[in-house]
Amino acid sequence: MRGGYHWNPATGELLHHYQNIVFFPLQPLLDWLIAILAGSTASILVILVTLGFGIASIFIFDTFARSVLRQDAARWATIFFAFWPVSCFYIMGYPTGLISLCTIAALADHMNGRHWRSALWCGIGTAAAPTVVFVVAALGIDRLATWRRGDAKARHFLALGGWGVLSVAGLLGFMVYQAIVFHDPLAFVHAQAAWGTAPPLVTRLTRLIAPSWYVQQFNAGILEIHAGLRTSHQGGGTSAAMVPIEAGVQRLINSAMATLALIGLGCATFIFRRRGWVVPLAGWSVVAGYAWFIFSTNQNMLSLPRLMMPAIAIFLGLGWLAARTHRFVGMALLLVFAILSVAEAAFASAGYWVV
């Protein structure tokens, strides 16, 4: 918002040399407009806007959930969506709520046959985050399947192509900007090397099927918490002890949320198997994208709760499960989500790196 984008190819692929080109432009553009209008109070308004997007996404999700689930299941789904441990990002300037708004609106319009409006929501969303591209992929598969089942005329295929372009318009616009300013339309991809370069193809495929890779995050979290407690017991400073403890807690949160995400998506796949199959398909598409671009790299389960947020079928499935089982299940999940949300907000307030 303040200094614009920067990208230096000479240092762009160095580990831990972060450059802001990795962040998509929609939220910074909104922040920039707020700064022009509000001046010195811009920072407060930016936080209020991102918080507003987050709160609005809860109400939009509730409306969508009530249109596809029974009322008791929809109520639980909304509760889980609201307390999923990412709420601290609503007050950290992230476009988390905005991404959710675009995703939910796109899915709702797609299911109601308003495909061009759905594409517009996706196009806006792809200017906010790359994860929306995986939602577009699912909607595109559904549209292509519908086209193949119909009369499949050339003009319909051209319309489908136009729909696809509009669906990723935000991403395309960002790439054009980078090509003009930095002479590299994929600068945002190259800048990801600051978090570590991608391992060889065989290594990534092996990790996806290796059980040890899945439990590594959990084990590392336990070890980090143990190290922090030992440091504290030996008389280490509070900050010295809290750094590994906070990192370990983040790993445990990621592991727990990964398990719940898979359970939720599994339930959603079952309940939408005859109608609205595109909803769980979009969720699985987000998971597949995360698995390949994040989980199979050295980052493992980095930022899983936040990056899984566009897979809204997770919450629909968990809501259905809570409504179909003993009330204790729903209350237990709510308690876990609430505790984790408070913990994440506390970590963020204390200045720790919340992922």
Protein backbone atom coordinates (compact mmCIF):
# COMPACT_ATOMS: atom_id res chain seq x y z
CA MET A 1 0.00 0.00 0.00
CA ARG A 2 2.78 2.45 0.92
CA GLY A 3 5.72 1.63 -1.32
CA GLY A 4 4.25 -0.36 -4.17
CA TYR A 5 5.54 -3.69 -5.42
CA HIS A 6 9.22 -4.49 -5.54
CA TRP A 7 11.00 -7.38 -7.21
CA ASN A 8 14.74 -7.97 -7.52
CA PRO A 9 15.48 -11.12 -9.55
CA ALA A 10 19.05 -11.17 -8.29
CA THR A 11 17.90 -11.90 -4.75
CA GLY A 12 14.44 -13.24 -5.49
CA GLU A 13 15.42 -16.88 -5.22
CA LEU A 14 17.38 -16.58 -1.98
CA LEU A 15 15.97 -18.36 1.04
CA HIS A 16 14.22 -16.02 3.51
CA HIS A 17 14.66 -13.03 1.20
CA TYR A 18 10.97 -12.13 1.07
CA GLN A 19 9.63 -9.70 -1.52
CA ASN A 20 6.10 -8.35 -1.56
CA ILE A 21 5.40 -9.38 -5.17
CA VAL A 22 4.19 -12.71 -3.72
CA PHE A 23 1.08 -10.95 -2.39
CA PHE A 24 -1.77 -10.51 -4.85
CA PRO A 25 -2.91 -6.94 -5.57
CA LEU A 26 -6.60 -6.63 -4.69
CA GLN A 27 -6.23 -6.02 -0.94
CA PRO A 28 -3.27 -3.62 -1.38
CA LEU A 29 -5.28 -1.68 -3.98
CA LEU A 30 -8.19 -1.36 -1.59
CA ASP A 31 -5.78 -0.27 1.15
CA TRP A 32 -4.24 2.30 -1.20
CA LEU A 33 -7.66 3.79 -1.99
CA ILE A 34 -8.46 3.95 1.72
CA ALA A 35 -5.15 5.73 2.34
CA ILE A 36 -5.99 8.34 -0.32
CA LEU A 37 -9.40 9.00 1.20
CA ALA A 38 -8.58 8.68 4.89
CA GLY A 39 -5.03 9.95 5.21
CA SER A 40 -3.58 9.47 8.68
CA THR A 41 -6.45 7.23 9.84
CA ALA A 42 -5.92 4.77 6.97
CA SER A 43 -4.31 2.04 9.09
CA ILE A 44 -7.33 1.83 11.37
CA LEU A 45 -9.76 1.79 8.45
CA VAL A 46 -7.76 -0.89 6.64
CA ILE A 47 -8.13 -3.18 9.65
CA LEU A 48 -11.83 -2.34 9.92
CA VAL A 49 -12.33 -3.15 6.23
CA THR A 50 -10.60 -6.53 6.42
CA LEU A 51 -12.49 -7.28 9.63
CA GLY A 52 -15.70 -6.25 7.87
CA PHE A 53 -15.00 -8.67 5.02
CA GLY A 54 -14.45 -11.44 7.56
CA ILE A 55 -17.70 -10.76 9.42
CA ALA A 56 -19.65 -10.38 6.17
CA SER A 57 -18.32 -13.71 4.92
CA ILE A 58 -19.90 -15.43 7.93
CA PHE A 59 -23.36 -14.09 7.06
CA ILE A 60 -22.90 -14.89 3.37
CA PHE A 61 -21.82 -18.41 4.25
CA ASP A 62 -24.86 -18.82 6.52
CA THR A 63 -27.17 -17.89 3.66
CA PHE A 64 -25.44 -20.35 1.33
CA ALA A 65 -25.41 -23.15 3.93
CA ARG A 66 -29.14 -22.75 4.55
CA SER A 67 -29.78 -23.11 0.82
CA VAL A 68 -28.03 -26.48 0.57
CA LEU A 69 -28.39 -28.08 4.02
CA ARG A 70 -31.10 -28.67 6.58
CA GLN A 71 -31.42 -25.86 9.08
CA ASP A 72 -29.77 -27.67 11.99
CA ALA A 73 -26.81 -28.74 9.83
CA ALA A 74 -26.54 -25.26 8.31
CA ARG A 75 -26.44 -23.72 11.78
CA TRP A 76 -23.56 -25.96 12.85
CA ALA A 77 -21.75 -25.34 9.55
CA THR A 78 -21.92 -21.58 10.08
CA ILE A 79 -20.64 -21.92 13.65
CA PHE A 80 -17.67 -23.96 12.47
CA PHE A 81 -16.96 -21.51 9.65
CA ALA A 82 -17.07 -18.58 12.07
CA PHE A 83 -14.76 -20.20 14.64
CA TRP A 84 -12.30 -21.89 12.28
CA PRO A 85 -8.95 -20.61 13.65
CA VAL A 86 -8.24 -17.93 11.06
CA SER A 87 -10.18 -15.04 12.56
CA CYS A 88 -6.96 -13.35 13.68
CA PHE A 89 -6.13 -12.77 10.00
CA TYR A 90 -9.20 -10.53 9.74
CA ILE A 91 -7.30 -7.97 11.84
CA MET A 92 -3.90 -8.52 10.22
CA GLY A 93 -4.60 -7.01 6.81
CA TYR A 94 -5.00 -10.34 5.01
CA PRO A 95 -7.77 -10.72 2.38
CA THR A 96 -9.04 -13.91 4.06
CA GLY A 97 -12.61 -12.68 4.41
CA LEU A 98 -12.62 -11.20 0.92
CA ILE A 99 -11.48 -14.51 -0.57
CA SER A 100 -14.25 -16.34 1.27
CA LEU A 101 -16.85 -13.86 0.05
CA CYS A 102 -15.80 -14.33 -3.58
CA THR A 103 -15.65 -18.12 -3.28
CA ILE A 104 -19.06 -18.50 -1.63
CA ALA A 105 -20.73 -16.09 -4.05
CA ALA A 106 -19.13 -17.85 -7.04
CA LEU A 107 -20.33 -21.28 -5.91
CA ALA A 108 -23.83 -20.03 -5.13
CA ASP A 109 -24.20 -18.33 -8.51
CA HIS A 110 -22.76 -21.36 -10.32
CA MET A 111 -25.23 -23.72 -8.67
CA ASN A 112 -28.09 -21.39 -9.62
CA GLY A 113 -27.02 -21.22 -13.25
CA ARG A 114 -25.69 -17.67 -13.12
CA HIS A 115 -22.39 -18.68 -14.70
CA TRP A 116 -21.18 -15.29 -15.91
CA ARG A 117 -21.76 -13.72 -12.54
CA SER A 118 -19.97 -16.67 -10.97
CA ALA A 119 -17.04 -16.04 -13.32
CA LEU A 120 -16.98 -12.39 -12.27
CA TRP A 121 -16.73 -13.35 -8.60
CA CYS A 122 -13.92 -15.76 -9.43
CA GLY A 123 -12.13 -13.09 -11.46
CA ILE A 124 -12.26 -10.73 -8.50
CA GLY A 125 -11.11 -13.51 -6.18
CA THR A 126 -8.09 -14.38 -8.32
CA ALA A 127 -6.90 -10.80 -7.87
CA ALA A 128 -6.88 -11.44 -4.12
CA ALA A 129 -5.22 -14.86 -3.83
CA PRO A 130 -3.97 -17.72 -6.01
CA THR A 131 -6.06 -20.30 -4.12
CA VAL A 132 -9.20 -19.11 -5.91
CA VAL A 133 -7.71 -20.54 -9.13
CA PHE A 134 -8.37 -24.02 -7.76
CA VAL A 135 -12.04 -23.13 -7.26
CA VAL A 136 -12.09 -21.93 -10.87
CA ALA A 137 -10.63 -25.28 -11.95
CA ALA A 138 -13.51 -27.16 -10.32
CA LEU A 139 -16.15 -24.86 -11.81
CA GLY A 140 -14.46 -25.21 -15.20
CA ILE A 141 -14.58 -29.00 -15.00
CA ASP A 142 -18.29 -28.82 -14.18
CA ARG A 143 -18.98 -26.41 -17.04
CA LEU A 144 -16.98 -28.52 -19.49
CA ALA A 145 -18.86 -31.64 -18.42
CA THR A 146 -22.17 -29.81 -18.95
CA TRP A 147 -21.01 -28.63 -22.37
CA ARG A 148 -20.07 -32.16 -23.41
CA ARG A 149 -23.44 -33.51 -22.31
CA GLY A 150 -25.25 -30.85 -24.36
CA ASP A 151 -25.22 -30.16 -28.08
CA ALA A 152 -21.51 -29.17 -27.82
CA LYS A 153 -21.54 -26.54 -30.54
CA ALA A 154 -18.46 -24.48 -31.31
CA ARG A 155 -20.05 -21.22 -30.20
CA HIS A 156 -20.78 -22.72 -26.82
CA PHE A 157 -17.14 -23.75 -26.53
CA LEU A 158 -16.08 -20.18 -27.36
CA ALA A 159 -18.42 -18.92 -24.65
CA LEU A 160 -16.85 -21.40 -22.25
CA GLY A 161 -13.42 -20.02 -23.18
CA GLY A 162 -14.62 -16.48 -22.50
CA TRP A 163 -16.02 -17.64 -19.17
CA GLY A 164 -12.61 -19.11 -18.32
CA VAL A 165 -10.78 -15.88 -19.14
CA LEU A 166 -13.17 -13.85 -17.01
CA SER A 167 -12.80 -16.36 -14.16
CA VAL A 168 -9.05 -15.74 -13.91
CA ALA A 169 -9.11 -12.08 -14.98
CA GLY A 170 -7.57 -10.92 -11.71
CA LEU A 171 -4.63 -13.27 -12.08
CA LEU A 172 -4.15 -12.36 -15.75
CA GLY A 173 -4.22 -8.66 -14.89
CA PHE A 174 -1.58 -9.19 -12.21
CA MET A 175 0.61 -11.09 -14.67
CA VAL A 176 0.28 -8.34 -17.28
CA TYR A 177 1.32 -5.77 -14.67
CA GLN A 178 4.39 -7.81 -13.78
CA ALA A 179 5.31 -8.26 -17.43
CA ILE A 180 5.17 -4.50 -18.00
CA VAL A 181 6.85 -3.33 -14.80
CA PHE A 182 9.29 -6.17 -14.04
CA HIS A 183 9.52 -7.81 -17.49
CA ASP A 184 8.52 -11.11 -15.92
CA PRO A 185 4.86 -12.17 -15.74
CA LEU A 186 5.76 -14.93 -13.26
CA ALA A 187 7.76 -12.85 -10.79
CA PHE A 188 5.29 -13.76 -8.05
CA VAL A 189 6.06 -17.44 -8.67
CA HIS A 190 9.83 -16.98 -8.61
CA ALA A 191 9.56 -14.99 -5.38
CA GLN A 192 8.11 -18.03 -3.63
CA ALA A 193 11.68 -19.39 -3.52
CA ALA A 194 12.17 -17.27 -0.39
CA TRP A 195 10.21 -19.98 1.45
CA GLY A 196 12.34 -22.71 -0.13
CA THR A 197 12.71 -24.12 -3.62
CA ALA A 198 10.52 -27.00 -4.72
CA PRO A 199 12.15 -30.44 -4.39
CA PRO A 200 12.42 -32.82 -7.38
CA LEU A 201 9.25 -34.35 -8.83
CA VAL A 202 9.96 -37.82 -7.47
CA THR A 203 10.51 -36.44 -3.97
CA ARG A 204 7.20 -34.59 -4.03
CA LEU A 205 5.30 -37.65 -5.25
CA THR A 206 6.97 -39.81 -2.62
CA ARG A 207 6.01 -37.41 0.15
CA LEU A 208 2.37 -37.45 -0.88
CA ILE A 209 2.15 -41.22 -0.39
CA ALA A 210 4.53 -41.57 2.57
CA PRO A 211 2.73 -41.85 5.97
CA SER A 212 5.85 -40.58 7.74
CA TRP A 213 5.58 -37.24 5.94
CA TYR A 214 2.03 -36.79 7.21
CA VAL A 215 2.97 -37.33 10.87
CA GLN A 216 6.20 -35.35 10.64
CA GLN A 217 4.46 -32.04 11.34
CA PHE A 218 2.78 -33.40 14.45
CA ASN A 219 6.00 -34.94 15.78
CA ALA A 220 7.96 -31.76 15.09
CA GLY A 221 5.34 -29.76 16.99
CA ILE A 222 5.63 -31.97 20.06
CA LEU A 223 9.43 -31.73 20.01
CA GLU A 224 9.35 -27.92 19.68
CA ILE A 225 6.93 -27.52 22.58
CA HIS A 226 9.09 -29.84 24.68
CA ALA A 227 12.20 -27.81 23.81
CA GLY A 228 10.46 -24.57 24.79
CA LEU A 229 9.29 -25.98 28.12
CA ARG A 230 12.78 -27.28 28.82
CA THR A 231 14.26 -23.85 28.07
CA SER A 232 11.79 -22.26 30.43
CA HIS A 233 12.52 -24.82 33.16
CA GLN A 234 16.25 -24.18 32.83
CA GLY A 235 15.72 -20.48 33.46
CA GLY A 236 15.61 -19.23 29.87
CA GLY A 237 13.86 -15.96 29.10
CA THR A 238 10.15 -15.93 28.31
CA SER A 239 10.73 -15.00 24.67
CA ALA A 240 13.40 -17.68 24.24
CA ALA A 241 11.00 -20.32 25.56
CA MET A 242 7.90 -19.06 23.76
CA VAL A 243 9.35 -19.05 20.24
CA PRO A 244 9.61 -22.86 19.95
CA ILE A 245 6.39 -23.36 21.93
CA GLU A 246 4.48 -21.07 19.57
CA ALA A 247 5.98 -22.81 16.52
CA GLY A 248 5.03 -26.20 17.95
CA VAL A 249 1.47 -25.09 18.68
CA GLN A 250 1.18 -23.84 15.09
CA ARG A 251 2.26 -27.26 13.81
CA LEU A 252 -0.26 -29.05 16.02
CA ILE A 253 -3.03 -26.70 14.88
CA ASN A 254 -2.13 -27.38 11.24
CA SER A 255 -2.16 -31.14 11.83
CA ALA A 256 -5.51 -31.07 13.62
CA MET A 257 -7.13 -28.85 11.02
CA ALA A 258 -5.82 -31.08 8.20
CA THR A 259 -7.56 -34.07 9.78
CA LEU A 260 -10.82 -32.18 10.27
CA ALA A 261 -10.63 -30.78 6.73
CA LEU A 262 -10.45 -34.28 5.27
CA ILE A 263 -13.33 -35.46 7.47
CA GLY A 264 -15.44 -32.48 6.44
CA LEU A 265 -14.70 -32.93 2.75
CA GLY A 266 -15.45 -36.63 2.99
CA CYS A 267 -18.86 -35.90 4.53
CA ALA A 268 -19.56 -33.18 1.95
CA THR A 269 -18.72 -35.57 -0.87
CA PHE A 270 -21.31 -37.98 0.51
CA ILE A 271 -24.13 -35.48 1.01
CA PHE A 272 -23.60 -33.72 -2.35
CA ARG A 273 -23.08 -36.90 -4.37
CA ARG A 274 -26.38 -36.47 -6.26
CA ARG A 275 -26.85 -32.69 -6.27
CA GLY A 276 -24.32 -29.91 -6.12
CA TRP A 277 -21.28 -32.15 -6.63
CA VAL A 278 -19.30 -29.07 -7.72
CA VAL A 279 -19.18 -27.87 -4.08
CA PRO A 280 -17.07 -30.78 -2.75
CA LEU A 281 -15.20 -30.87 -6.07
CA ALA A 282 -14.10 -27.28 -5.47
CA GLY A 283 -13.03 -28.25 -1.97
CA TRP A 284 -10.98 -31.20 -3.17
CA SER A 285 -9.45 -29.01 -5.87
CA VAL A 286 -8.22 -26.56 -3.20
CA VAL A 287 -6.82 -29.47 -1.19
CA ALA A 288 -5.07 -30.89 -4.27
CA GLY A 289 -3.52 -27.51 -5.04
CA TYR A 290 -2.37 -27.12 -1.46
CA ALA A 291 -0.98 -30.66 -1.37
CA TRP A 292 1.11 -30.11 -4.48
CA PHE A 293 2.30 -26.53 -4.05
CA ILE A 294 2.73 -26.43 -0.25
CA PHE A 295 2.47 -29.80 1.47
CA SER A 296 4.79 -31.72 -0.89
CA THR A 297 7.51 -29.07 -0.48
CA ASN A 298 9.70 -28.50 2.56
CA GLN A 299 7.01 -26.22 3.97
CA ASN A 300 4.88 -29.25 4.85
CA MET A 301 1.59 -28.09 6.48
CA LEU A 302 2.40 -24.37 6.49
CA SER A 303 -0.59 -22.02 6.91
CA LEU A 304 -3.09 -24.84 6.41
CA PRO A 305 -6.15 -23.35 8.20
CA ARG A 306 -5.90 -20.09 6.24
CA LEU A 307 -5.14 -21.67 2.86
CA MET A 308 -7.91 -24.27 3.29
CA MET A 309 -10.53 -21.58 3.90
CA PRO A 310 -11.70 -21.47 0.22
CA ALA A 311 -12.61 -25.16 0.54
CA ILE A 312 -15.92 -24.21 2.13
CA ALA A 313 -17.28 -27.74 1.66
CA ILE A 314 -15.24 -28.57 4.78
CA PHE A 315 -17.66 -26.64 6.98
CA LEU A 316 -20.75 -27.94 5.21
CA GLY A 317 -19.56 -31.50 5.81
CA LEU A 318 -18.67 -30.88 9.45
CA GLY A 319 -22.02 -29.16 9.99
CA TRP A 320 -23.86 -32.15 8.53
CA LEU A 321 -21.81 -34.50 10.71
CA ALA A 322 -22.53 -32.50 13.88
CA ALA A 323 -26.26 -32.50 13.13
CA ARG A 324 -26.30 -36.26 12.49
CA THR A 325 -24.39 -37.26 15.63
CA HIS A 326 -24.63 -36.59 19.35
CA ARG A 327 -24.75 -32.95 20.34
CA PHE A 328 -21.50 -33.51 22.24
CA VAL A 329 -19.62 -33.85 18.91
CA GLY A 330 -20.64 -30.40 17.73
CA MET A 331 -20.00 -28.80 21.10
CA ALA A 332 -16.57 -30.44 21.36
CA LEU A 333 -15.57 -29.17 17.92
CA LEU A 334 -16.86 -25.71 18.75
CA LEU A 335 -14.84 -25.68 21.98
CA VAL A 336 -11.68 -26.74 20.14
CA PHE A 337 -12.17 -24.13 17.42
CA ALA A 338 -12.90 -21.38 19.96
CA ILE A 339 -9.80 -22.20 22.05
CA LEU A 340 -7.59 -22.29 18.97
CA SER A 341 -9.02 -19.03 17.65
CA VAL A 342 -8.30 -17.30 20.96
CA ALA A 343 -4.80 -18.78 21.01
CA GLU A 344 -4.07 -17.58 17.47
CA ALA A 345 -5.34 -14.09 18.28
CA ALA A 346 -3.17 -14.03 21.42
CA PHE A 347 -0.09 -15.11 19.44
CA ALA A 348 -0.75 -12.46 16.80
CA SER A 349 -1.25 -9.79 19.47
CA ALA A 350 2.04 -10.80 21.12
CA GLY A 351 3.87 -10.41 17.83
CA TYR A 352 4.48 -14.05 16.99
CA TRP A 353 4.39 -15.43 13.46
CA VAL A 354 0.89 -16.88 13.10
CA VAL A 355 0.53 -19.23 10.12
